[in-house]
C-alpha atoms as a PDB file:
ATOM      1  CA  MET A   1      30.105 -33.793  51.537  1.00  0.00           C
ATOM      2  CA  GLY A   2      29.769 -30.012  51.507  1.00  0.00           C
ATOM      3  CA  ALA A   3      32.598 -27.528  51.105  1.00  0.00           C
ATOM      4  CA  ASN A   4      32.154 -26.440  54.718  1.00  0.00           C
ATOM      5  CA  HIS A   5      32.561 -29.919  56.257  1.00  0.00           C
ATOM      6  CA  TYR A   6      35.797 -31.383  57.589  1.00  0.00           C
ATOM      7  CA  ASP A   7      38.010 -32.045  54.579  1.00  0.00           C
ATOM      8  CA  LEU A   8      40.595 -34.830  54.587  1.00  0.00           C
ATOM      9  CA  GLU A   9      42.083 -33.624  51.296  1.00  0.00           C
ATOM     10  CA  LEU A  10      42.660 -30.190  52.789  1.00  0.00           C
ATOM     11  CA  GLU A  11      44.331 -31.830  55.774  1.00  0.00           C
ATOM     12  CA  LYS A  12      46.723 -33.722  53.466  1.00  0.00           C
ATOM     13  CA  LEU A  13      47.550 -30.619  51.449  1.00  0.00           C
ATOM     14  CA  ALA A  14      48.237 -28.637  54.624  1.00  0.00           C
ATOM     15  CA  GLU A  15      50.558 -31.377  55.866  1.00  0.00           C
ATOM     16  CA  LYS A  16      52.537 -31.298  52.611  1.00  0.00           C
ATOM     17  CA  ALA A  17      52.940 -27.525  52.744  1.00  0.00           C
ATOM     18  CA  THR A  18      52.578 -25.981  56.196  1.00  0.00           C
ATOM     19  CA  ASP A  19      53.543 -28.928  58.388  1.00  0.00           C
ATOM     20  CA  LYS A  20      56.568 -29.719  56.216  1.00  0.00           C
ATOM     21  CA  LEU A  21      57.778 -26.134  56.565  1.00  0.00           C
ATOM     22  CA  LEU A  22      57.231 -26.068  60.322  1.00  0.00           C
ATOM     23  CA  MET A  23      58.676 -29.502  61.100  1.00  0.00           C
ATOM     24  CA  ALA A  24      61.460 -29.880  58.556  1.00  0.00           C
ATOM     25  CA  ASP A  25      62.212 -26.231  57.680  1.00  0.00           C
ATOM     26  CA  THR A  26      61.610 -27.162  54.039  1.00  0.00           C
ATOM     27  CA  PHE A  27      59.660 -24.718  51.880  1.00  0.00           C
ATOM     28  CA  ASP A  28      57.833 -26.567  49.088  1.00  0.00           C
ATOM     29  CA  LYS A  29      56.481 -23.897  46.729  1.00  0.00           C
ATOM     30  CA  PRO A  30      54.430 -26.307  44.578  1.00  0.00           C
ATOM     31  CA  ALA A  31      52.779 -27.670  47.742  1.00  0.00           C
ATOM     32  CA  PHE A  32      51.862 -24.156  48.884  1.00  0.00           C
ATOM     33  CA  ASP A  33      50.567 -23.318  45.392  1.00  0.00           C
ATOM     34  CA  THR A  34      48.415 -26.470  45.398  1.00  0.00           C
ATOM     35  CA  LEU A  35      47.090 -25.631  48.866  1.00  0.00           C
ATOM     36  CA  TYR A  36      46.296 -22.066  47.790  1.00  0.00           C
ATOM     37  CA  ASN A  37      44.484 -23.214  44.643  1.00  0.00           C
ATOM     38  CA  TYR A  38      42.453 -25.749  46.624  1.00  0.00           C
ATOM     39  CA  LEU A  39      41.477 -23.129  49.197  1.00  0.00           C
ATOM     40  CA  THR A  40      40.577 -20.681  46.435  1.00  0.00           C
ATOM     41  CA  GLY A  41      38.128 -23.253  45.067  1.00  0.00           C
ATOM     42  CA  LYS A  42      36.616 -23.647  48.519  1.00  0.00           C
ATOM     43  CA  ALA A  43      36.361 -19.861  48.886  1.00  0.00           C
ATOM     44  CA  VAL A  44      34.354 -19.666  45.667  1.00  0.00           C
ATOM     45  CA  GLU A  45      31.969 -22.374  46.918  1.00  0.00           C
ATOM     46  CA  LEU A  46      31.602 -20.728  50.344  1.00  0.00           C
ATOM     47  CA  ARG A  47      31.365 -17.047  49.439  1.00  0.00           C
ATOM     48  CA  ASP A  48      27.640 -16.924  50.245  1.00  0.00           C
ATOM     49  CA  GLU A  49      27.889 -18.877  53.511  1.00  0.00           C
ATOM     50  CA  SER A  50      27.516 -17.060  56.815  1.00  0.00           C
ATOM     51  CA  VAL A  51      29.289 -19.774  58.832  1.00  0.00           C
ATOM     52  CA  LEU A  52      32.763 -20.999  57.838  1.00  0.00           C
ATOM     53  CA  SER A  53      34.650 -24.120  58.849  1.00  0.00           C
ATOM     54  CA  LYS A  54      37.298 -23.595  61.500  1.00  0.00           C
ATOM     55  CA  GLN A  55      39.497 -26.003  59.559  1.00  0.00           C
ATOM     56  CA  ILE A  56      39.507 -23.716  56.520  1.00  0.00           C
ATOM     57  CA  LEU A  57      40.081 -20.563  58.548  1.00  0.00           C
ATOM     58  CA  ALA A  58      42.869 -22.193  60.559  1.00  0.00           C
ATOM     59  CA  CYS A  59      44.528 -23.557  57.436  1.00  0.00           C
ATOM     60  CA  LEU A  60      44.660 -20.114  55.844  1.00  0.00           C
ATOM     61  CA  ARG A  61      46.022 -18.503  59.006  1.00  0.00           C
ATOM     62  CA  GLN A  62      48.555 -21.291  59.616  1.00  0.00           C
ATOM     63  CA  ALA A  63      49.886 -21.230  56.053  1.00  0.00           C
ATOM     64  CA  SER A  64      50.514 -17.504  56.259  1.00  0.00           C
ATOM     65  CA  GLY A  65      51.926 -17.705  59.776  1.00  0.00           C
ATOM     66  CA  ALA A  66      54.256 -20.594  58.947  1.00  0.00           C
ATOM     67  CA  ILE A  67      55.804 -18.736  56.021  1.00  0.00           C
ATOM     68  CA  HIS A  68      56.234 -15.560  58.059  1.00  0.00           C
ATOM     69  CA  SER A  69      57.690 -17.376  61.066  1.00  0.00           C
ATOM     70  CA  ARG A  70      60.170 -19.403  59.034  1.00  0.00           C
ATOM     71  CA  SER A  71      61.191 -16.585  56.682  1.00  0.00           C
ATOM     72  CA  GLU A  72      63.879 -15.557  59.144  1.00  0.00           C
ATOM     73  CA  TYR A  73      65.517 -19.004  59.051  1.00  0.00           C
ATOM     74  CA  VAL A  74      64.575 -20.576  55.719  1.00  0.00           C
ATOM     75  CA  PRO A  75      65.816 -18.641  52.669  1.00  0.00           C
ATOM     76  CA  ALA A  76      63.188 -20.169  50.361  1.00  0.00           C
ATOM     77  CA  ALA A  77      60.420 -19.014  52.702  1.00  0.00           C
ATOM     78  CA  ARG A  78      61.933 -15.528  52.759  1.00  0.00           C
ATOM     79  CA  ASP A  79      62.098 -15.479  48.950  1.00  0.00           C
ATOM     80  CA  ASN A  80      58.421 -16.478  48.729  1.00  0.00           C
ATOM     81  CA  ILE A  81      56.998 -14.257  51.470  1.00  0.00           C
ATOM     82  CA  ALA A  82      54.435 -12.924  48.973  1.00  0.00           C
ATOM     83  CA  ILE A  83      52.695 -16.307  49.114  1.00  0.00           C
ATOM     84  CA  ALA A  84      51.879 -15.631  52.778  1.00  0.00           C
ATOM     85  CA  ASP A  85      50.222 -12.382  51.723  1.00  0.00           C
ATOM     86  CA  ARG A  86      48.113 -14.282  49.166  1.00  0.00           C
ATOM     87  CA  PHE A  87      46.774 -16.554  51.927  1.00  0.00           C
ATOM     88  CA  GLU A  88      45.909 -13.490  54.049  1.00  0.00           C
ATOM     89  CA  VAL A  89      44.096 -11.811  51.163  1.00  0.00           C
ATOM     90  CA  LEU A  90      42.192 -15.032  50.471  1.00  0.00           C
ATOM     91  CA  LEU A  91      41.131 -15.171  54.125  1.00  0.00           C
ATOM     92  CA  ASP A  92      39.896 -11.580  53.922  1.00  0.00           C
ATOM     93  CA  LEU A  93      37.957 -12.324  50.722  1.00  0.00           C
ATOM     94  CA  LEU A  94      36.404 -15.415  52.287  1.00  0.00           C
ATOM     95  CA  ILE A  95      35.337 -13.481  55.373  1.00  0.00           C
ATOM     96  CA  THR A  96      33.766 -10.691  53.317  1.00  0.00           C
ATOM     97  CA  GLY A  97      32.066 -13.089  50.885  1.00  0.00           C
ATOM     98  CA  GLN A  98      33.895 -11.870  47.806  1.00  0.00           C
ATOM     99  CA  ASP A  99      34.811 -14.020  44.830  1.00  0.00           C
ATOM    100  CA  PRO A 100      38.596 -14.503  44.665  1.00  0.00           C
ATOM    101  CA  ALA A 101      38.410 -14.573  40.856  1.00  0.00           C
ATOM    102  CA  GLY A 102      36.818 -11.120  40.861  1.00  0.00           C
ATOM    103  CA  ARG A 103      39.823  -9.497  42.509  1.00  0.00           C
ATOM    104  CA  LYS A 104      42.666  -8.375  40.267  1.00  0.00           C
ATOM    105  CA  PRO A 105      45.811  -7.247  42.140  1.00  0.00           C
ATOM    106  CA  GLY A 106      46.799  -3.670  41.364  1.00  0.00           C
ATOM    107  CA  ILE A 107      43.448  -2.811  39.776  1.00  0.00           C
ATOM    108  CA  PRO A 108      40.974  -0.833  41.901  1.00  0.00           C
ATOM    109  CA  ARG A 109      37.490  -2.238  42.229  1.00  0.00           C
ATOM    110  CA  ILE A 110      34.558  -0.122  41.108  1.00  0.00           C
ATOM    111  CA  VAL A 111      31.689  -0.595  43.515  1.00  0.00           C
END
């Protein structure tokens, strides 16, 4: 199965992180870290693709949105709001076809 096909593992990881936060108001940082790392691996595989799976795009957007929306009510989400920004940056890198490993925060890129 290709990286751009429907991914049951991604679905499970999203349930453990995003769905848990939205349904139970429980922020599980290790689950979000695992989800982010999994999506980063997919982004590396897909950086040269012109068509991207809606599942992957939705997962990135939902992870960021869930953290932002619950940060007002869940202190752990508020304390980890930077994780939402990481998902947004990863989405931007995926859209532009850049390698997530090639981006170093705080260091300007030389093009």
